[in-house]
Full PDB file with SEQRES, HELIX, SHEET, SSBOND, CRYST1, ORIGX, SCALE, CONECT and MASTER records, all heavy atoms in Angstrom:
SEQRES   1 A   30  PHE GLU THR VAL GLY LEU THR PHE GLN MET LEU LYS VAL          
SEQRES   2 A   30  ILE ASP VAL PHE TYR TYR VAL TYR TYR GLY GLY GLU GLY          
SEQRES   3 A   30  VAL LYS PRO ALA                                              
HELIX    1 AA1 LEU A    6  GLY A   23  1                                  18    
CRYST1    1.000    1.000    1.000  90.00  90.00  90.00 P 1           1          
ORIGX1      1.000000  0.000000  0.000000        0.00000                         
ORIGX2      0.000000  1.000000  0.000000        0.00000                         
ORIGX3      0.000000  0.000000  1.000000        0.00000                         
SCALE1      1.000000  0.000000  0.000000        0.00000                         
SCALE2      0.000000  1.000000  0.000000        0.00000                         
SCALE3      0.000000  0.000000  1.000000        0.00000                         
ATOM      1  N   PHE A   1     135.634 112.650 142.322  1.00  0.00           N  
ATOM      2  CA  PHE A   1     135.832 111.207 142.429  1.00  0.00           C  
ATOM      3  C   PHE A   1     134.609 110.569 143.075  1.00  0.00           C  
ATOM      4  O   PHE A   1     133.810 111.236 143.729  1.00  0.00           O  
ATOM      5  CB  PHE A   1     137.083 110.878 143.249  1.00  0.00           C  
ATOM      6  CG  PHE A   1     137.111 111.504 144.615  1.00  0.00           C  
ATOM      7  CD1 PHE A   1     136.459 110.914 145.696  1.00  0.00           C  
ATOM      8  CD2 PHE A   1     137.804 112.690 144.844  1.00  0.00           C  
ATOM      9  CE1 PHE A   1     136.482 111.487 146.953  1.00  0.00           C  
ATOM     10  CE2 PHE A   1     137.836 113.268 146.098  1.00  0.00           C  
ATOM     11  CZ  PHE A   1     137.173 112.654 147.166  1.00  0.00           C  
ATOM     12  N   GLU A   2     134.449 109.261 142.855  1.00  0.00           N  
ATOM     13  CA  GLU A   2     133.389 108.494 143.492  1.00  0.00           C  
ATOM     14  C   GLU A   2     133.866 107.996 144.847  1.00  0.00           C  
ATOM     15  O   GLU A   2     135.062 107.731 145.038  1.00  0.00           O  
ATOM     16  CB  GLU A   2     132.989 107.310 142.610  1.00  0.00           C  
ATOM     17  CG  GLU A   2     132.228 107.719 141.357  1.00  0.00           C  
ATOM     18  CD  GLU A   2     131.604 106.525 140.675  1.00  0.00           C  
ATOM     19  OE1 GLU A   2     131.007 105.677 141.381  1.00  0.00           O  
ATOM     20  OE2 GLU A   2     131.725 106.427 139.445  1.00  0.00           O  
ATOM     21  N   THR A   3     132.931 107.855 145.778  1.00  0.00           N  
ATOM     22  CA  THR A   3     133.319 107.495 147.144  1.00  0.00           C  
ATOM     23  C   THR A   3     132.894 106.081 147.536  1.00  0.00           C  
ATOM     24  O   THR A   3     132.954 105.728 148.709  1.00  0.00           O  
ATOM     25  CB  THR A   3     132.711 108.499 148.140  1.00  0.00           C  
ATOM     26  OG1 THR A   3     131.278 108.482 148.001  1.00  0.00           O  
ATOM     27  CG2 THR A   3     133.230 109.896 147.880  1.00  0.00           C  
ATOM     28  N   VAL A   4     132.465 105.273 146.575  1.00  0.00           N  
ATOM     29  CA  VAL A   4     132.074 103.893 146.885  1.00  0.00           C  
ATOM     30  C   VAL A   4     133.282 103.139 147.455  1.00  0.00           C  
ATOM     31  O   VAL A   4     134.346 103.093 146.843  1.00  0.00           O  
ATOM     32  CB  VAL A   4     131.567 103.167 145.626  1.00  0.00           C  
ATOM     33  CG1 VAL A   4     131.272 101.695 145.947  1.00  0.00           C  
ATOM     34  CG2 VAL A   4     130.321 103.845 145.086  1.00  0.00           C  
ATOM     35  N   GLY A   5     133.113 102.573 148.635  1.00  0.00           N  
ATOM     36  CA  GLY A   5     134.207 101.811 149.240  1.00  0.00           C  
ATOM     37  C   GLY A   5     135.291 102.655 149.866  1.00  0.00           C  
ATOM     38  O   GLY A   5     136.273 102.114 150.402  1.00  0.00           O  
ATOM     39  N   LEU A   6     135.136 103.984 149.830  1.00  0.00           N  
ATOM     40  CA  LEU A   6     136.197 104.868 150.320  1.00  0.00           C  
ATOM     41  C   LEU A   6     136.489 104.652 151.805  1.00  0.00           C  
ATOM     42  O   LEU A   6     137.647 104.625 152.225  1.00  0.00           O  
ATOM     43  CB  LEU A   6     135.824 106.328 150.067  1.00  0.00           C  
ATOM     44  CG  LEU A   6     136.758 107.383 150.679  1.00  0.00           C  
ATOM     45  CD1 LEU A   6     138.177 107.211 150.165  1.00  0.00           C  
ATOM     46  CD2 LEU A   6     136.233 108.788 150.383  1.00  0.00           C  
ATOM     47  N   THR A   7     135.435 104.484 152.610  1.00  0.00           N  
ATOM     48  CA  THR A   7     135.658 104.360 154.051  1.00  0.00           C  
ATOM     49  C   THR A   7     136.495 103.129 154.376  1.00  0.00           C  
ATOM     50  O   THR A   7     137.380 103.180 155.235  1.00  0.00           O  
ATOM     51  CB  THR A   7     134.313 104.280 154.797  1.00  0.00           C  
ATOM     52  OG1 THR A   7     133.493 103.269 154.197  1.00  0.00           O  
ATOM     53  CG2 THR A   7     133.587 105.597 154.738  1.00  0.00           C  
ATOM     54  N   PHE A   8     136.238 102.040 153.671  1.00  0.00           N  
ATOM     55  CA  PHE A   8     137.014 100.830 153.937  1.00  0.00           C  
ATOM     56  C   PHE A   8     138.426 100.942 153.389  1.00  0.00           C  
ATOM     57  O   PHE A   8     139.370 100.411 153.985  1.00  0.00           O  
ATOM     58  CB  PHE A   8     136.299  99.601 153.358  1.00  0.00           C  
ATOM     59  CG  PHE A   8     135.289  99.014 154.302  1.00  0.00           C  
ATOM     60  CD1 PHE A   8     134.054  99.601 154.472  1.00  0.00           C  
ATOM     61  CD2 PHE A   8     135.590  97.903 155.060  1.00  0.00           C  
ATOM     62  CE1 PHE A   8     133.114  99.083 155.362  1.00  0.00           C  
ATOM     63  CE2 PHE A   8     134.674  97.372 155.964  1.00  0.00           C  
ATOM     64  CZ  PHE A   8     133.434  97.966 156.101  1.00  0.00           C  
ATOM     65  N   GLN A   9     138.597 101.625 152.263  1.00  0.00           N  
ATOM     66  CA  GLN A   9     139.953 101.834 151.752  1.00  0.00           C  
ATOM     67  C   GLN A   9     140.765 102.686 152.722  1.00  0.00           C  
ATOM     68  O   GLN A   9     141.951 102.444 152.950  1.00  0.00           O  
ATOM     69  CB  GLN A   9     139.906 102.505 150.371  1.00  0.00           C  
ATOM     70  CG  GLN A   9     139.114 101.750 149.317  1.00  0.00           C  
ATOM     71  CD  GLN A   9     139.433 100.270 149.300  1.00  0.00           C  
ATOM     72  OE1 GLN A   9     140.587  99.872 149.120  1.00  0.00           O  
ATOM     73  NE2 GLN A   9     138.433  99.435 149.510  1.00  0.00           N  
ATOM     74  N   MET A  10     140.118 103.679 153.295  1.00  0.00           N  
ATOM     75  CA  MET A  10     140.782 104.542 154.275  1.00  0.00           C  
ATOM     76  C   MET A  10     141.259 103.734 155.479  1.00  0.00           C  
ATOM     77  O   MET A  10     142.411 103.856 155.918  1.00  0.00           O  
ATOM     78  CB  MET A  10     139.816 105.635 154.730  1.00  0.00           C  
ATOM     79  CG  MET A  10     140.309 106.481 155.893  1.00  0.00           C  
ATOM     80  SD  MET A  10     138.981 107.495 156.585  1.00  0.00           S  
ATOM     81  CE  MET A  10     137.993 106.237 157.421  1.00  0.00           C  
ATOM     82  N   LEU A  11     140.377 102.879 156.013  1.00  0.00           N  
ATOM     83  CA  LEU A  11     140.745 102.072 157.175  1.00  0.00           C  
ATOM     84  C   LEU A  11     141.883 101.111 156.833  1.00  0.00           C  
ATOM     85  O   LEU A  11     142.767 100.861 157.659  1.00  0.00           O  
ATOM     86  CB  LEU A  11     139.532 101.291 157.679  1.00  0.00           C  
ATOM     87  CG  LEU A  11     138.348 102.117 158.197  1.00  0.00           C  
ATOM     88  CD1 LEU A  11     137.217 101.210 158.657  1.00  0.00           C  
ATOM     89  CD2 LEU A  11     138.776 103.033 159.332  1.00  0.00           C  
ATOM     90  N   LYS A  12     141.878 100.590 155.626  1.00  0.00           N  
ATOM     91  CA  LYS A  12     142.935  99.667 155.211  1.00  0.00           C  
ATOM     92  C   LYS A  12     144.278 100.377 155.092  1.00  0.00           C  
ATOM     93  O   LYS A  12     145.311  99.855 155.525  1.00  0.00           O  
ATOM     94  CB  LYS A  12     142.560  99.002 153.889  1.00  0.00           C  
ATOM     95  CG  LYS A  12     141.409  98.023 153.977  1.00  0.00           C  
ATOM     96  CD  LYS A  12     141.025  97.509 152.597  1.00  0.00           C  
ATOM     97  CE  LYS A  12     139.801  96.618 152.652  1.00  0.00           C  
ATOM     98  NZ  LYS A  12     139.385  96.182 151.297  1.00  0.00           N  
ATOM     99  N   VAL A  13     144.265 101.569 154.492  1.00  0.00           N  
ATOM    100  CA  VAL A  13     145.514 102.319 154.342  1.00  0.00           C  
ATOM    101  C   VAL A  13     146.087 102.687 155.714  1.00  0.00           C  
ATOM    102  O   VAL A  13     147.291 102.552 155.959  1.00  0.00           O  
ATOM    103  CB  VAL A  13     145.287 103.589 153.499  1.00  0.00           C  
ATOM    104  CG1 VAL A  13     146.498 104.514 153.581  1.00  0.00           C  
ATOM    105  CG2 VAL A  13     145.022 103.203 152.040  1.00  0.00           C  
ATOM    106  N   ILE A  14     145.235 103.129 156.620  1.00  0.00           N  
ATOM    107  CA  ILE A  14     145.700 103.460 157.965  1.00  0.00           C  
ATOM    108  C   ILE A  14     146.247 102.222 158.662  1.00  0.00           C  
ATOM    109  O   ILE A  14     147.260 102.290 159.377  1.00  0.00           O  
ATOM    110  CB  ILE A  14     144.556 104.095 158.781  1.00  0.00           C  
ATOM    111  CG1 ILE A  14     144.196 105.466 158.217  1.00  0.00           C  
ATOM    112  CG2 ILE A  14     144.947 104.223 160.260  1.00  0.00           C  
ATOM    113  CD1 ILE A  14     142.999 106.107 158.873  1.00  0.00           C  
ATOM    114  N   ASP A  15     145.611 101.073 158.448  1.00  0.00           N  
ATOM    115  CA  ASP A  15     146.104  99.832 159.050  1.00  0.00           C  
ATOM    116  C   ASP A  15     147.499  99.499 158.533  1.00  0.00           C  
ATOM    117  O   ASP A  15     148.341  98.992 159.283  1.00  0.00           O  
ATOM    118  CB  ASP A  15     145.145  98.677 158.750  1.00  0.00           C  
ATOM    119  CG  ASP A  15     145.514  97.414 159.496  1.00  0.00           C  
ATOM    120  OD1 ASP A  15     145.510  97.440 160.749  1.00  0.00           O  
ATOM    121  OD2 ASP A  15     145.828  96.397 158.848  1.00  0.00           O  
ATOM    122  N   VAL A  16     147.764  99.772 157.261  1.00  0.00           N  
ATOM    123  CA  VAL A  16     149.104  99.560 156.706  1.00  0.00           C  
ATOM    124  C   VAL A  16     150.108 100.484 157.388  1.00  0.00           C  
ATOM    125  O   VAL A  16     151.231 100.075 157.716  1.00  0.00           O  
ATOM    126  CB  VAL A  16     149.101  99.780 155.181  1.00  0.00           C  
ATOM    127  CG1 VAL A  16     150.534  99.791 154.639  1.00  0.00           C  
ATOM    128  CG2 VAL A  16     148.291  98.701 154.480  1.00  0.00           C  
ATOM    129  N   PHE A  17     149.723 101.735 157.623  1.00  0.00           N  
ATOM    130  CA  PHE A  17     150.604 102.660 158.338  1.00  0.00           C  
ATOM    131  C   PHE A  17     150.935 102.123 159.734  1.00  0.00           C  
ATOM    132  O   PHE A  17     152.087 102.193 160.186  1.00  0.00           O  
ATOM    133  CB  PHE A  17     149.956 104.040 158.465  1.00  0.00           C  
ATOM    134  CG  PHE A  17     149.780 104.769 157.164  1.00  0.00           C  
ATOM    135  CD1 PHE A  17     148.917 105.848 157.064  1.00  0.00           C  
ATOM    136  CD2 PHE A  17     150.472 104.376 156.041  1.00  0.00           C  
ATOM    137  CE1 PHE A  17     148.751 106.528 155.874  1.00  0.00           C  
ATOM    138  CE2 PHE A  17     150.322 105.054 154.825  1.00  0.00           C  
ATOM    139  CZ  PHE A  17     149.454 106.131 154.747  1.00  0.00           C  
ATOM    140  N   TYR A  18     149.915 101.600 160.424  1.00  0.00           N  
ATOM    141  CA  TYR A  18     150.141 101.005 161.750  1.00  0.00           C  
ATOM    142  C   TYR A  18     151.081  99.814 161.647  1.00  0.00           C  
ATOM    143  O   TYR A  18     151.954  99.623 162.496  1.00  0.00           O  
ATOM    144  CB  TYR A  18     148.804 100.559 162.355  1.00  0.00           C  
ATOM    145  CG  TYR A  18     148.115 101.609 163.189  1.00  0.00           C  
ATOM    146  CD1 TYR A  18     147.557 102.736 162.598  1.00  0.00           C  
ATOM    147  CD2 TYR A  18     148.008 101.487 164.565  1.00  0.00           C  
ATOM    148  CE1 TYR A  18     146.919 103.711 163.351  1.00  0.00           C  
ATOM    149  CE2 TYR A  18     147.374 102.444 165.327  1.00  0.00           C  
ATOM    150  CZ  TYR A  18     146.821 103.556 164.718  1.00  0.00           C  
ATOM    151  OH  TYR A  18     146.197 104.522 165.467  1.00  0.00           O  
ATOM    152  N   TYR A  19     150.898  99.009 160.633  1.00  0.00           N  
ATOM    153  CA  TYR A  19     151.729  97.821 160.416  1.00  0.00           C  
ATOM    154  C   TYR A  19     153.200  98.219 160.266  1.00  0.00           C  
ATOM    155  O   TYR A  19     154.091  97.593 160.838  1.00  0.00           O  
ATOM    156  CB  TYR A  19     151.234  97.091 159.170  1.00  0.00           C  
ATOM    157  CG  TYR A  19     152.018  95.858 158.793  1.00  0.00           C  
ATOM    158  CD1 TYR A  19     151.745  94.631 159.393  1.00  0.00           C  
ATOM    159  CD2 TYR A  19     153.000  95.910 157.816  1.00  0.00           C  
ATOM    160  CE1 TYR A  19     152.437  93.493 159.040  1.00  0.00           C  
ATOM    161  CE2 TYR A  19     153.699  94.778 157.449  1.00  0.00           C  
ATOM    162  CZ  TYR A  19     153.420  93.566 158.062  1.00  0.00           C  
ATOM    163  OH  TYR A  19     154.122  92.437 157.695  1.00  0.00           O  
ATOM    164  N   VAL A  20     153.431  99.289 159.514  1.00  0.00           N  
ATOM    165  CA  VAL A  20     154.807  99.758 159.284  1.00  0.00           C  
ATOM    166  C   VAL A  20     155.372 100.414 160.533  1.00  0.00           C  
ATOM    167  O   VAL A  20     156.508 100.136 160.940  1.00  0.00           O  
ATOM    168  CB  VAL A  20     154.842 100.744 158.099  1.00  0.00           C  
ATOM    169  CG1 VAL A  20     156.228 101.385 157.981  1.00  0.00           C  
ATOM    170  CG2 VAL A  20     154.473 100.029 156.806  1.00  0.00           C  
ATOM    171  N   TYR A  21     154.575 101.266 161.165  1.00  0.00           N  
ATOM    172  CA  TYR A  21     155.073 102.062 162.291  1.00  0.00           C  
ATOM    173  C   TYR A  21     155.291 101.220 163.545  1.00  0.00           C  
ATOM    174  O   TYR A  21     156.350 101.297 164.172  1.00  0.00           O  
ATOM    175  CB  TYR A  21     154.093 103.198 162.585  1.00  0.00           C  
ATOM    176  CG  TYR A  21     154.553 104.134 163.682  1.00  0.00           C  
ATOM    177  CD1 TYR A  21     155.555 105.071 163.448  1.00  0.00           C  
ATOM    178  CD2 TYR A  21     153.983 104.078 164.953  1.00  0.00           C  
ATOM    179  CE1 TYR A  21     155.979 105.930 164.451  1.00  0.00           C  
ATOM    180  CE2 TYR A  21     154.395 104.936 165.960  1.00  0.00           C  
ATOM    181  CZ  TYR A  21     155.389 105.854 165.710  1.00  0.00           C  
ATOM    182  OH  TYR A  21     155.814 106.700 166.709  1.00  0.00           O  
ATOM    183  N   TYR A  22     154.288 100.424 163.902  1.00  0.00           N  
ATOM    184  CA  TYR A  22     154.391  99.650 165.141  1.00  0.00           C  
ATOM    185  C   TYR A  22     155.024  98.277 164.935  1.00  0.00           C  
ATOM    186  O   TYR A  22     155.656  97.740 165.844  1.00  0.00           O  
ATOM    187  CB  TYR A  22     153.001  99.472 165.774  1.00  0.00           C  
ATOM    188  CG  TYR A  22     152.463 100.744 166.389  1.00  0.00           C  
ATOM    189  CD1 TYR A  22     151.505 101.501 165.727  1.00  0.00           C  
ATOM    190  CD2 TYR A  22     152.920 101.200 167.621  1.00  0.00           C  
ATOM    191  CE1 TYR A  22     151.012 102.673 166.280  1.00  0.00           C  
ATOM    192  CE2 TYR A  22     152.435 102.364 168.186  1.00  0.00           C  
ATOM    193  CZ  TYR A  22     151.481 103.103 167.506  1.00  0.00           C  
ATOM    194  OH  TYR A  22     150.999 104.259 168.057  1.00  0.00           O  
ATOM    195  N   GLY A  23     154.857  97.720 163.759  1.00  0.00           N  
ATOM    196  CA  GLY A  23     155.420  96.394 163.506  1.00  0.00           C  
ATOM    197  C   GLY A  23     156.828  96.422 162.961  1.00  0.00           C  
ATOM    198  O   GLY A  23     157.537  95.412 163.001  1.00  0.00           O  
ATOM    199  N   GLY A  24     157.225  97.598 162.432  1.00  0.00           N  
ATOM    200  CA  GLY A  24     158.566  97.703 161.878  1.00  0.00           C  
ATOM    201  C   GLY A  24     158.765  96.870 160.621  1.00  0.00           C  
ATOM    202  O   GLY A  24     159.894  96.534 160.258  1.00  0.00           O  
ATOM    203  N   GLU A  25     157.658  96.540 159.947  1.00  0.00           N  
ATOM    204  CA  GLU A  25     157.729  95.698 158.755  1.00  0.00           C  
ATOM    205  C   GLU A  25     157.619  96.552 157.494  1.00  0.00           C  
ATOM    206  O   GLU A  25     157.019  97.627 157.489  1.00  0.00           O  
ATOM    207  CB  GLU A  25     156.599  94.672 158.770  1.00  0.00           C  
ATOM    208  CG  GLU A  25     156.608  93.740 159.978  1.00  0.00           C  
ATOM    209  CD  GLU A  25     157.702  92.696 159.898  1.00  0.00           C  
ATOM    210  OE1 GLU A  25     158.211  92.475 158.779  1.00  0.00           O  
ATOM    211  OE2 GLU A  25     158.042  92.113 160.941  1.00  0.00           O  
ATOM    212  N   GLY A  26     158.185  96.032 156.424  1.00  0.00           N  
ATOM    213  CA  GLY A  26     158.066  96.691 155.136  1.00  0.00           C  
ATOM    214  C   GLY A  26     156.801  96.263 154.416  1.00  0.00           C  
ATOM    215  O   GLY A  26     156.166  95.278 154.780  1.00  0.00           O  
ATOM    216  N   VAL A  27     156.439  97.016 153.390  1.00  0.00           N  
ATOM    217  CA  VAL A  27     155.231  96.731 152.613  1.00  0.00           C  
ATOM    218  C   VAL A  27     155.625  96.295 151.212  1.00  0.00           C  
ATOM    219  O   VAL A  27     156.386  96.981 150.529  1.00  0.00           O  
ATOM    220  CB  VAL A  27     154.327  97.979 152.534  1.00  0.00           C  
ATOM    221  CG1 VAL A  27     153.125  97.716 151.640  1.00  0.00           C  
ATOM    222  CG2 VAL A  27     153.867  98.381 153.921  1.00  0.00           C  
ATOM    223  N   LYS A  28     155.101  95.152 150.793  1.00  0.00           N  
ATOM    224  CA  LYS A  28     155.334  94.670 149.429  1.00  0.00           C  
ATOM    225  C   LYS A  28     154.229  95.223 148.532  1.00  0.00           C  
ATOM    226  O   LYS A  28     153.036  94.994 148.799  1.00  0.00           O  
ATOM    227  CB  LYS A  28     155.326  93.147 149.399  1.00  0.00           C  
ATOM    228  CG  LYS A  28     156.450  92.522 150.220  1.00  0.00           C  
ATOM    229  CD  LYS A  28     156.376  91.005 150.180  1.00  0.00           C  
ATOM    230  CE  LYS A  28     157.504  90.385 150.998  1.00  0.00           C  
ATOM    231  NZ  LYS A  28     157.445  88.896 150.999  1.00  0.00           N  
ATOM    232  N   PRO A  29     154.592  95.949 147.466  1.00  0.00           N  
ATOM    233  CA  PRO A  29     153.569  96.611 146.632  1.00  0.00           C  
ATOM    234  C   PRO A  29     152.468  95.680 146.124  1.00  0.00           C  
ATOM    235  O   PRO A  29     151.289  96.028 146.181  1.00  0.00           O  
ATOM    236  CB  PRO A  29     154.389  97.185 145.473  1.00  0.00           C  
ATOM    237  CG  PRO A  29     155.737  97.437 146.072  1.00  0.00           C  
ATOM    238  CD  PRO A  29     155.956  96.306 147.040  1.00  0.00           C  
ATOM    239  N   ALA A  30     152.828  94.487 145.635  1.00  0.00           N  
ATOM    240  CA  ALA A  30     151.809  93.583 145.086  1.00  0.00           C  
ATOM    241  C   ALA A  30     150.808  93.168 146.163  1.00  0.00           C  
ATOM    242  O   ALA A  30     149.592  93.173 145.943  1.00  0.00           O  
ATOM    243  CB  ALA A  30     152.473  92.350 144.477  1.00  0.00           C  
TER     244      ALA A  30                                                      
MASTER        0    0    0    1    0    0    0    6  243    1    0    3          
END                                                                             
């Protein structure tokens, strides 16, 4: 796979995990 933008995608995905875990909020797919 190509890694262009991978580091920022990683940080974004982890931020979503934090949002769910600490915020107790759900994630809307769109």
